[in-house]
Amino acid sequence: MKSYLEFRNVILNALVGIKCFTPEKAAELAATEGEDVELIKLGIDSMSVIDLCMDIEENTGREVLIEELIDNPTINKLAKFMSEN
């Protein structure tokens, strides 16, 4: 099972992949673990949500349900949830 930080980095990289962040912004957030970002504020649409779930799954081997994104609406909350479940 991956740790919280490993899941957080996978999520950040997935957000770069769907063009919500630049690689530089993801690196900045990765270096500041306490900083959090609400996924809804990134302008993610329904197709981006599906792409995000698929990208995370491809890089972790763990299925990500859309409901999990809804219930854990920030990068840190989602990473924590994924590392505990």
PDB file of N, CA and C in Angstrom:
ATOM      1  N   MET A   1       0.844  -1.185   0.000  1.00  0.00           N
ATOM      2  CA  MET A   1       0.000   0.000   0.000  1.00  0.00           C
ATOM      3  C   MET A   1       0.887   1.245   0.000  1.00  0.00           C
ATOM      4  N   LYS A   2       0.476   2.237  -0.759  1.00  0.00           N
ATOM      5  CA  LYS A   2       1.230   3.477  -0.847  1.00  0.00           C
ATOM      6  C   LYS A   2       0.950   4.357   0.367  1.00  0.00           C
ATOM      7  N   SER A   3       1.914   5.203   0.667  1.00  0.00           N
ATOM      8  CA  SER A   3       1.766   6.137   1.781  1.00  0.00           C
ATOM      9  C   SER A   3       0.985   7.372   1.333  1.00  0.00           C
ATOM     10  N   TYR A   4       0.623   8.171   2.296  1.00  0.00           N
ATOM     11  CA  TYR A   4      -0.074   9.429   2.032  1.00  0.00           C
ATOM     12  C   TYR A   4       0.717  10.279   1.038  1.00  0.00           C
ATOM     13  N   LEU A   5       2.011  10.449   1.275  1.00  0.00           N
ATOM     14  CA  LEU A   5       2.821  11.289   0.387  1.00  0.00           C
ATOM     15  C   LEU A   5       2.932  10.709  -1.017  1.00  0.00           C
ATOM     16  N   GLU A   6       3.004   9.393  -1.117  1.00  0.00           N
ATOM     17  CA  GLU A   6       3.051   8.765  -2.446  1.00  0.00           C
ATOM     18  C   GLU A   6       1.746   9.011  -3.200  1.00  0.00           C
ATOM     19  N   PHE A   7       0.607   8.848  -2.524  1.00  0.00           N
ATOM     20  CA  PHE A   7      -0.675   9.124  -3.164  1.00  0.00           C
ATOM     21  C   PHE A   7      -0.786  10.604  -3.518  1.00  0.00           C
ATOM     22  N   ARG A   8      -0.324  11.466  -2.635  1.00  0.00           N
ATOM     23  CA  ARG A   8      -0.388  12.911  -2.903  1.00  0.00           C
ATOM     24  C   ARG A   8       0.403  13.251  -4.164  1.00  0.00           C
ATOM     25  N   ASN A   9       1.575  12.682  -4.298  1.00  0.00           N
ATOM     26  CA  ASN A   9       2.379  12.947  -5.491  1.00  0.00           C
ATOM     27  C   ASN A   9       1.733  12.389  -6.751  1.00  0.00           C
ATOM     28  N   VAL A  10       1.118  11.222  -6.653  1.00  0.00           N
ATOM     29  CA  VAL A  10       0.406  10.656  -7.805  1.00  0.00           C
ATOM     30  C   VAL A  10      -0.749  11.580  -8.210  1.00  0.00           C
ATOM     31  N   ILE A  11      -1.482  12.087  -7.240  1.00  0.00           N
ATOM     32  CA  ILE A  11      -2.595  12.991  -7.525  1.00  0.00           C
ATOM     33  C   ILE A  11      -2.075  14.270  -8.180  1.00  0.00           C
ATOM     34  N   LEU A  12      -1.002  14.837  -7.641  1.00  0.00           N
ATOM     35  CA  LEU A  12      -0.425  16.051  -8.232  1.00  0.00           C
ATOM     36  C   LEU A  12       0.011  15.805  -9.674  1.00  0.00           C
ATOM     37  N   ASN A  13       0.659  14.690  -9.917  1.00  0.00           N
ATOM     38  CA  ASN A  13       1.092  14.360 -11.277  1.00  0.00           C
ATOM     39  C   ASN A  13      -0.100  14.149 -12.207  1.00  0.00           C
ATOM     40  N   ALA A  14      -1.156  13.536 -11.693  1.00  0.00           N
ATOM     41  CA  ALA A  14      -2.361  13.337 -12.498  1.00  0.00           C
ATOM     42  C   ALA A  14      -2.996  14.681 -12.853  1.00  0.00           C
ATOM     43  N   LEU A  15      -2.957  15.627 -11.920  1.00  0.00           N
ATOM     44  CA  LEU A  15      -3.502  16.960 -12.190  1.00  0.00           C
ATOM     45  C   LEU A  15      -2.674  17.691 -13.247  1.00  0.00           C
ATOM     46  N   VAL A  16      -1.385  17.438 -13.274  1.00  0.00           N
ATOM     47  CA  VAL A  16      -0.540  17.980 -14.348  1.00  0.00           C
ATOM     48  C   VAL A  16      -0.961  17.351 -15.674  1.00  0.00           C
ATOM     49  N   GLY A  17      -1.197  16.050 -15.654  1.00  0.00           N
ATOM     50  CA  GLY A  17      -1.581  15.320 -16.856  1.00  0.00           C
ATOM     51  C   GLY A  17      -2.879  15.797 -17.475  1.00  0.00           C
ATOM     52  N   ILE A  18      -3.801  16.257 -16.641  1.00  0.00           N
ATOM     53  CA  ILE A  18      -5.075  16.755 -17.181  1.00  0.00           C
ATOM     54  C   ILE A  18      -5.077  18.281 -17.282  1.00  0.00           C
ATOM     55  N   LYS A  19      -3.904  18.857 -17.181  1.00  0.00           N
ATOM     56  CA  LYS A  19      -3.695  20.295 -17.425  1.00  0.00           C
ATOM     57  C   LYS A  19      -4.334  21.216 -16.395  1.00  0.00           C
ATOM     58  N   CYS A  20      -4.454  20.740 -15.150  1.00  0.00           N
ATOM     59  CA  CYS A  20      -4.940  21.603 -14.078  1.00  0.00           C
ATOM     60  C   CYS A  20      -3.804  22.357 -13.411  1.00  0.00           C
ATOM     61  N   PHE A  21      -2.609  21.801 -13.515  1.00  0.00           N
ATOM     62  CA  PHE A  21      -1.403  22.398 -12.939  1.00  0.00           C
ATOM     63  C   PHE A  21      -0.287  22.341 -13.951  1.00  0.00           C
ATOM     64  N   THR A  22       0.628  23.257 -13.813  1.00  0.00           N
ATOM     65  CA  THR A  22       1.889  23.135 -14.545  1.00  0.00           C
ATOM     66  C   THR A  22       2.786  22.206 -13.727  1.00  0.00           C
ATOM     67  N   PRO A  23       3.775  21.607 -14.340  1.00  0.00           N
ATOM     68  CA  PRO A  23       4.715  20.789 -13.559  1.00  0.00           C
ATOM     69  C   PRO A  23       5.376  21.588 -12.439  1.00  0.00           C
ATOM     70  N   GLU A  24       5.626  22.857 -12.690  1.00  0.00           N
ATOM     71  CA  GLU A  24       6.252  23.713 -11.670  1.00  0.00           C
ATOM     72  C   GLU A  24       5.335  23.906 -10.461  1.00  0.00           C
ATOM     73  N   LYS A  25       4.050  24.133 -10.717  1.00  0.00           N
ATOM     74  CA  LYS A  25       3.091  24.310  -9.621  1.00  0.00           C
ATOM     75  C   LYS A  25       2.948  23.009  -8.830  1.00  0.00           C
ATOM     76  N   ALA A  26       2.930  21.872  -9.515  1.00  0.00           N
ATOM     77  CA  ALA A  26       2.840  20.581  -8.820  1.00  0.00           C
ATOM     78  C   ALA A  26       4.074  20.363  -7.950  1.00  0.00           C
ATOM     79  N   ALA A  27       5.241  20.715  -8.459  1.00  0.00           N
ATOM     80  CA  ALA A  27       6.481  20.568  -7.681  1.00  0.00           C
ATOM     81  C   ALA A  27       6.453  21.484  -6.459  1.00  0.00           C
ATOM     82  N   GLU A  28       5.930  22.684  -6.644  1.00  0.00           N
ATOM     83  CA  GLU A  28       5.810  23.631  -5.524  1.00  0.00           C
ATOM     84  C   GLU A  28       4.884  23.070  -4.447  1.00  0.00           C
ATOM     85  N   LEU A  29       3.750  22.531  -4.865  1.00  0.00           N
ATOM     86  CA  LEU A  29       2.813  21.938  -3.901  1.00  0.00           C
ATOM     87  C   LEU A  29       3.393  20.686  -3.255  1.00  0.00           C
ATOM     88  N   ALA A  30       4.141  19.894  -4.009  1.00  0.00           N
ATOM     89  CA  ALA A  30       4.756  18.689  -3.446  1.00  0.00           C
ATOM     90  C   ALA A  30       5.753  19.052  -2.356  1.00  0.00           C
ATOM     91  N   ALA A  31       6.397  20.194  -2.494  1.00  0.00           N
ATOM     92  CA  ALA A  31       7.387  20.625  -1.514  1.00  0.00           C
ATOM     93  C   ALA A  31       6.748  21.242  -0.271  1.00  0.00           C
ATOM     94  N   THR A  32       5.481  21.609  -0.371  1.00  0.00           N
ATOM     95  CA  THR A  32       4.777  22.218   0.757  1.00  0.00           C
ATOM     96  C   THR A  32       3.600  21.341   1.138  1.00  0.00           C
ATOM     97  N   GLU A  33       3.895  20.295   1.851  1.00  0.00           N
ATOM     98  CA  GLU A  33       2.903  19.270   2.186  1.00  0.00           C
ATOM     99  C   GLU A  33       1.659  19.832   2.861  1.00  0.00           C
ATOM    100  N   GLY A  34       1.812  20.861   3.656  1.00  0.00           N
ATOM    101  CA  GLY A  34       0.671  21.408   4.382  1.00  0.00           C
ATOM    102  C   GLY A  34      -0.298  22.178   3.515  1.00  0.00           C
ATOM    103  N   GLU A  35       0.162  22.654   2.359  1.00  0.00           N
ATOM    104  CA  GLU A  35      -0.720  23.410   1.478  1.00  0.00           C
ATOM    105  C   GLU A  35      -1.689  22.460   0.790  1.00  0.00           C
ATOM    106  N   ASP A  36      -2.932  22.873   0.746  1.00  0.00           N
ATOM    107  CA  ASP A  36      -3.954  22.020   0.153  1.00  0.00           C
ATOM    108  C   ASP A  36      -4.709  22.803  -0.908  1.00  0.00           C
ATOM    109  N   VAL A  37      -5.340  22.097  -1.819  1.00  0.00           N
ATOM    110  CA  VAL A  37      -6.086  22.725  -2.908  1.00  0.00           C
ATOM    111  C   VAL A  37      -7.405  21.988  -3.066  1.00  0.00           C
ATOM    112  N   GLU A  38      -8.490  22.752  -3.150  1.00  0.00           N
ATOM    113  CA  GLU A  38      -9.798  22.160  -3.416  1.00  0.00           C
ATOM    114  C   GLU A  38      -9.873  21.811  -4.895  1.00  0.00           C
ATOM    115  N   LEU A  39     -10.241  20.586  -5.178  1.00  0.00           N
ATOM    116  CA  LEU A  39     -10.310  20.115  -6.558  1.00  0.00           C
ATOM    117  C   LEU A  39     -11.305  20.932  -7.381  1.00  0.00           C
ATOM    118  N   ILE A  40     -12.416  21.326  -6.777  1.00  0.00           N
ATOM    119  CA  ILE A  40     -13.441  22.074  -7.510  1.00  0.00           C
ATOM    120  C   ILE A  40     -12.920  23.425  -7.992  1.00  0.00           C
ATOM    121  N   LYS A  41     -11.982  24.003  -7.271  1.00  0.00           N
ATOM    122  CA  LYS A  41     -11.438  25.310  -7.647  1.00  0.00           C
ATOM    123  C   LYS A  41     -10.471  25.229  -8.828  1.00  0.00           C
ATOM    124  N   LEU A  42     -10.171  24.014  -9.271  1.00  0.00           N
ATOM    125  CA  LEU A  42      -9.262  23.840 -10.398  1.00  0.00           C
ATOM    126  C   LEU A  42      -9.988  23.857 -11.735  1.00  0.00           C
ATOM    127  N   GLY A  43     -11.306  24.010 -11.689  1.00  0.00           N
ATOM    128  CA  GLY A  43     -12.083  24.051 -12.917  1.00  0.00           C
ATOM    129  C   GLY A  43     -12.208  22.695 -13.595  1.00  0.00           C
ATOM    130  N   ILE A  44     -12.179  21.647 -12.814  1.00  0.00           N
ATOM    131  CA  ILE A  44     -12.279  20.293 -13.354  1.00  0.00           C
ATOM    132  C   ILE A  44     -13.708  20.036 -13.810  1.00  0.00           C
ATOM    133  N   ASP A  45     -13.851  19.611 -15.064  1.00  0.00           N
ATOM    134  CA  ASP A  45     -15.171  19.257 -15.570  1.00  0.00           C
ATOM    135  C   ASP A  45     -15.367  17.746 -15.465  1.00  0.00           C
ATOM    136  N   SER A  46     -16.515  17.255 -15.927  1.00  0.00           N
ATOM    137  CA  SER A  46     -16.839  15.838 -15.758  1.00  0.00           C
ATOM    138  C   SER A  46     -15.849  14.929 -16.492  1.00  0.00           C
ATOM    139  N   MET A  47     -15.396  15.329 -17.665  1.00  0.00           N
ATOM    140  CA  MET A  47     -14.416  14.505 -18.391  1.00  0.00           C
ATOM    141  C   MET A  47     -13.068  14.496 -17.675  1.00  0.00           C
ATOM    142  N   SER A  48     -12.704  15.631 -17.094  1.00  0.00           N
ATOM    143  CA  SER A  48     -11.442  15.702 -16.353  1.00  0.00           C
ATOM    144  C   SER A  48     -11.470  14.819 -15.114  1.00  0.00           C
ATOM    145  N   VAL A  49     -12.641  14.729 -14.480  1.00  0.00           N
ATOM    146  CA  VAL A  49     -12.783  13.860 -13.302  1.00  0.00           C
ATOM    147  C   VAL A  49     -12.519  12.411 -13.698  1.00  0.00           C
ATOM    148  N   ILE A  50     -13.088  12.004 -14.808  1.00  0.00           N
ATOM    149  CA  ILE A  50     -12.875  10.630 -15.278  1.00  0.00           C
ATOM    150  C   ILE A  50     -11.405  10.412 -15.608  1.00  0.00           C
ATOM    151  N   ASP A  51     -10.789  11.382 -16.308  1.00  0.00           N
ATOM    152  CA  ASP A  51      -9.363  11.276 -16.635  1.00  0.00           C
ATOM    153  C   ASP A  51      -8.506  11.224 -15.377  1.00  0.00           C
ATOM    154  N   LEU A  52      -8.866  12.037 -14.381  1.00  0.00           N
ATOM    155  CA  LEU A  52      -8.124  12.048 -13.116  1.00  0.00           C
ATOM    156  C   LEU A  52      -8.210  10.690 -12.437  1.00  0.00           C
ATOM    157  N   CYS A  53      -9.412  10.132 -12.347  1.00  0.00           N
ATOM    158  CA  CYS A  53      -9.590   8.815 -11.721  1.00  0.00           C
ATOM    159  C   CYS A  53      -8.788   7.743 -12.457  1.00  0.00           C
ATOM    160  N   MET A  54      -8.838   7.776 -13.789  1.00  0.00           N
ATOM    161  CA  MET A  54      -8.123   6.770 -14.576  1.00  0.00           C
ATOM    162  C   MET A  54      -6.608   6.916 -14.418  1.00  0.00           C
ATOM    163  N   ASP A  55      -6.123   8.147 -14.402  1.00  0.00           N
ATOM    164  CA  ASP A  55      -4.682   8.376 -14.261  1.00  0.00           C
ATOM    165  C   ASP A  55      -4.183   7.895 -12.901  1.00  0.00           C
ATOM    166  N   ILE A  56      -4.926   8.208 -11.853  1.00  0.00           N
ATOM    167  CA  ILE A  56      -4.539   7.758 -10.504  1.00  0.00           C
ATOM    168  C   ILE A  56      -4.551   6.235 -10.456  1.00  0.00           C
ATOM    169  N   GLU A  57      -5.581   5.629 -11.023  1.00  0.00           N
ATOM    170  CA  GLU A  57      -5.673   4.171 -11.020  1.00  0.00           C
ATOM    171  C   GLU A  57      -4.505   3.531 -11.777  1.00  0.00           C
ATOM    172  N   GLU A  58      -4.169   4.101 -12.925  1.00  0.00           N
ATOM    173  CA  GLU A  58      -3.049   3.565 -13.717  1.00  0.00           C
ATOM    174  C   GLU A  58      -1.726   3.627 -12.958  1.00  0.00           C
ATOM    175  N   ASN A  59      -1.579   4.652 -12.116  1.00  0.00           N
ATOM    176  CA  ASN A  59      -0.307   4.842 -11.419  1.00  0.00           C
ATOM    177  C   ASN A  59      -0.261   4.237 -10.024  1.00  0.00           C
ATOM    178  N   THR A  60      -1.400   3.728  -9.557  1.00  0.00           N
ATOM    179  CA  THR A  60      -1.415   3.122  -8.222  1.00  0.00           C
ATOM    180  C   THR A  60      -1.942   1.698  -8.219  1.00  0.00           C
ATOM    181  N   GLY A  61      -2.679   1.330  -9.260  1.00  0.00           N
ATOM    182  CA  GLY A  61      -3.319   0.028  -9.269  1.00  0.00           C
ATOM    183  C   GLY A  61      -4.568  -0.017  -8.408  1.00  0.00           C
ATOM    184  N   ARG A  62      -4.959   1.143  -7.899  1.00  0.00           N
ATOM    185  CA  ARG A  62      -6.136   1.221  -7.031  1.00  0.00           C
ATOM    186  C   ARG A  62      -7.243   1.955  -7.760  1.00  0.00           C
ATOM    187  N   GLU A  63      -8.431   1.351  -7.804  1.00  0.00           N
ATOM    188  CA  GLU A  63      -9.572   2.002  -8.428  1.00  0.00           C
ATOM    189  C   GLU A  63      -9.961   3.235  -7.624  1.00  0.00           C
ATOM    190  N   VAL A  64     -10.281   4.302  -8.330  1.00  0.00           N
ATOM    191  CA  VAL A  64     -10.734   5.532  -7.684  1.00  0.00           C
ATOM    192  C   VAL A  64     -12.153   5.803  -8.164  1.00  0.00           C
ATOM    193  N   LEU A  65     -13.073   5.824  -7.245  1.00  0.00           N
ATOM    194  CA  LEU A  65     -14.467   6.086  -7.568  1.00  0.00           C
ATOM    195  C   LEU A  65     -14.732   7.587  -7.543  1.00  0.00           C
ATOM    196  N   ILE A  66     -15.605   8.028  -8.415  1.00  0.00           N
ATOM    197  CA  ILE A  66     -15.949   9.448  -8.445  1.00  0.00           C
ATOM    198  C   ILE A  66     -16.496   9.888  -7.095  1.00  0.00           C
ATOM    199  N   GLU A  67     -17.233   9.013  -6.433  1.00  0.00           N
ATOM    200  CA  GLU A  67     -17.777   9.328  -5.112  1.00  0.00           C
ATOM    201  C   GLU A  67     -16.660   9.633  -4.111  1.00  0.00           C
ATOM    202  N   GLU A  68     -15.515   8.979  -4.275  1.00  0.00           N
ATOM    203  CA  GLU A  68     -14.387   9.239  -3.377  1.00  0.00           C
ATOM    204  C   GLU A  68     -13.852  10.650  -3.583  1.00  0.00           C
ATOM    205  N   LEU A  69     -13.892  11.141  -4.816  1.00  0.00           N
ATOM    206  CA  LEU A  69     -13.479  12.526  -5.066  1.00  0.00           C
ATOM    207  C   LEU A  69     -14.471  13.497  -4.442  1.00  0.00           C
ATOM    208  N   ILE A  70     -15.736  13.170  -4.535  1.00  0.00           N
ATOM    209  CA  ILE A  70     -16.770  14.037  -3.962  1.00  0.00           C
ATOM    210  C   ILE A  70     -16.645  14.082  -2.441  1.00  0.00           C
ATOM    211  N   ASP A  71     -16.435  12.921  -1.828  1.00  0.00           N
ATOM    212  CA  ASP A  71     -16.331  12.835  -0.371  1.00  0.00           C
ATOM    213  C   ASP A  71     -15.015  13.379   0.169  1.00  0.00           C
ATOM    214  N   ASN A  72     -14.006  13.477  -0.670  1.00  0.00           N
ATOM    215  CA  ASN A  72     -12.667  13.950  -0.272  1.00  0.00           C
ATOM    216  C   ASN A  72     -12.243  15.026  -1.266  1.00  0.00           C
ATOM    217  N   PRO A  73     -12.783  16.249  -1.109  1.00  0.00           N
ATOM    218  CA  PRO A  73     -12.700  17.267  -2.161  1.00  0.00           C
ATOM    219  C   PRO A  73     -11.394  18.056  -2.270  1.00  0.00           C
ATOM    220  N   THR A  74     -10.383  17.680  -1.508  1.00  0.00           N
ATOM    221  CA  THR A  74      -9.098  18.365  -1.644  1.00  0.00           C
ATOM    222  C   THR A  74      -8.004  17.342  -1.926  1.00  0.00           C
ATOM    223  N   ILE A  75      -6.892  17.818  -2.407  1.00  0.00           N
ATOM    224  CA  ILE A  75      -5.768  16.925  -2.708  1.00  0.00           C
ATOM    225  C   ILE A  75      -5.346  16.159  -1.461  1.00  0.00           C
ATOM    226  N   ASN A  76      -5.167  16.858  -0.354  1.00  0.00           N
ATOM    227  CA  ASN A  76      -4.694  16.201   0.869  1.00  0.00           C
ATOM    228  C   ASN A  76      -5.719  15.216   1.434  1.00  0.00           C
ATOM    229  N   LYS A  77      -6.996  15.596   1.412  1.00  0.00           N
ATOM    230  CA  LYS A  77      -8.033  14.683   1.921  1.00  0.00           C
ATOM    231  C   LYS A  77      -8.114  13.421   1.072  1.00  0.00           C
ATOM    232  N   LEU A  78      -8.028  13.589  -0.250  1.00  0.00           N
ATOM    233  CA  LEU A  78      -8.081  12.429  -1.123  1.00  0.00           C
ATOM    234  C   LEU A  78      -6.867  11.529  -0.905  1.00  0.00           C
ATOM    235  N   ALA A  79      -5.690  12.120  -0.792  1.00  0.00           N
ATOM    236  CA  ALA A  79      -4.472  11.334  -0.559  1.00  0.00           C
ATOM    237  C   ALA A  79      -4.553  10.598   0.773  1.00  0.00           C
ATOM    238  N   LYS A  80      -5.053  11.275   1.804  1.00  0.00           N
ATOM    239  CA  LYS A  80      -5.185  10.622   3.116  1.00  0.00           C
ATOM    240  C   LYS A  80      -6.169   9.480   3.053  1.00  0.00           C
ATOM    241  N   PHE A  81      -7.309   9.708   2.421  1.00  0.00           N
ATOM    242  CA  PHE A  81      -8.324   8.664   2.295  1.00  0.00           C
ATOM    243  C   PHE A  81      -7.747   7.458   1.557  1.00  0.00           C
ATOM    244  N   MET A  82      -7.070   7.712   0.451  1.00  0.00           N
ATOM    245  CA  MET A  82      -6.529   6.615  -0.347  1.00  0.00           C
ATOM    246  C   MET A  82      -5.462   5.837   0.410  1.00  0.00           C
ATOM    247  N   SER A  83      -4.680   6.519   1.216  1.00  0.00           N
ATOM    248  CA  SER A  83      -3.625   5.809   1.955  1.00  0.00           C
ATOM    249  C   SER A  83      -4.182   4.979   3.095  1.00  0.00           C
ATOM    250  N   GLU A  84      -5.385   5.310   3.544  1.00  0.00           N
ATOM    251  CA  GLU A  84      -6.003   4.589   4.657  1.00  0.00           C
ATOM    252  C   GLU A  84      -6.986   3.517   4.223  1.00  0.00           C
ATOM    253  N   ASN A  85      -7.323   3.501   2.940  1.00  0.00           N
ATOM    254  CA  ASN A  85      -8.356   2.551   2.469  1.00  0.00           C
ATOM    255  C   ASN A  85      -7.821   1.734   1.337  1.00  0.00           C
TER     256      ASN A  85
END
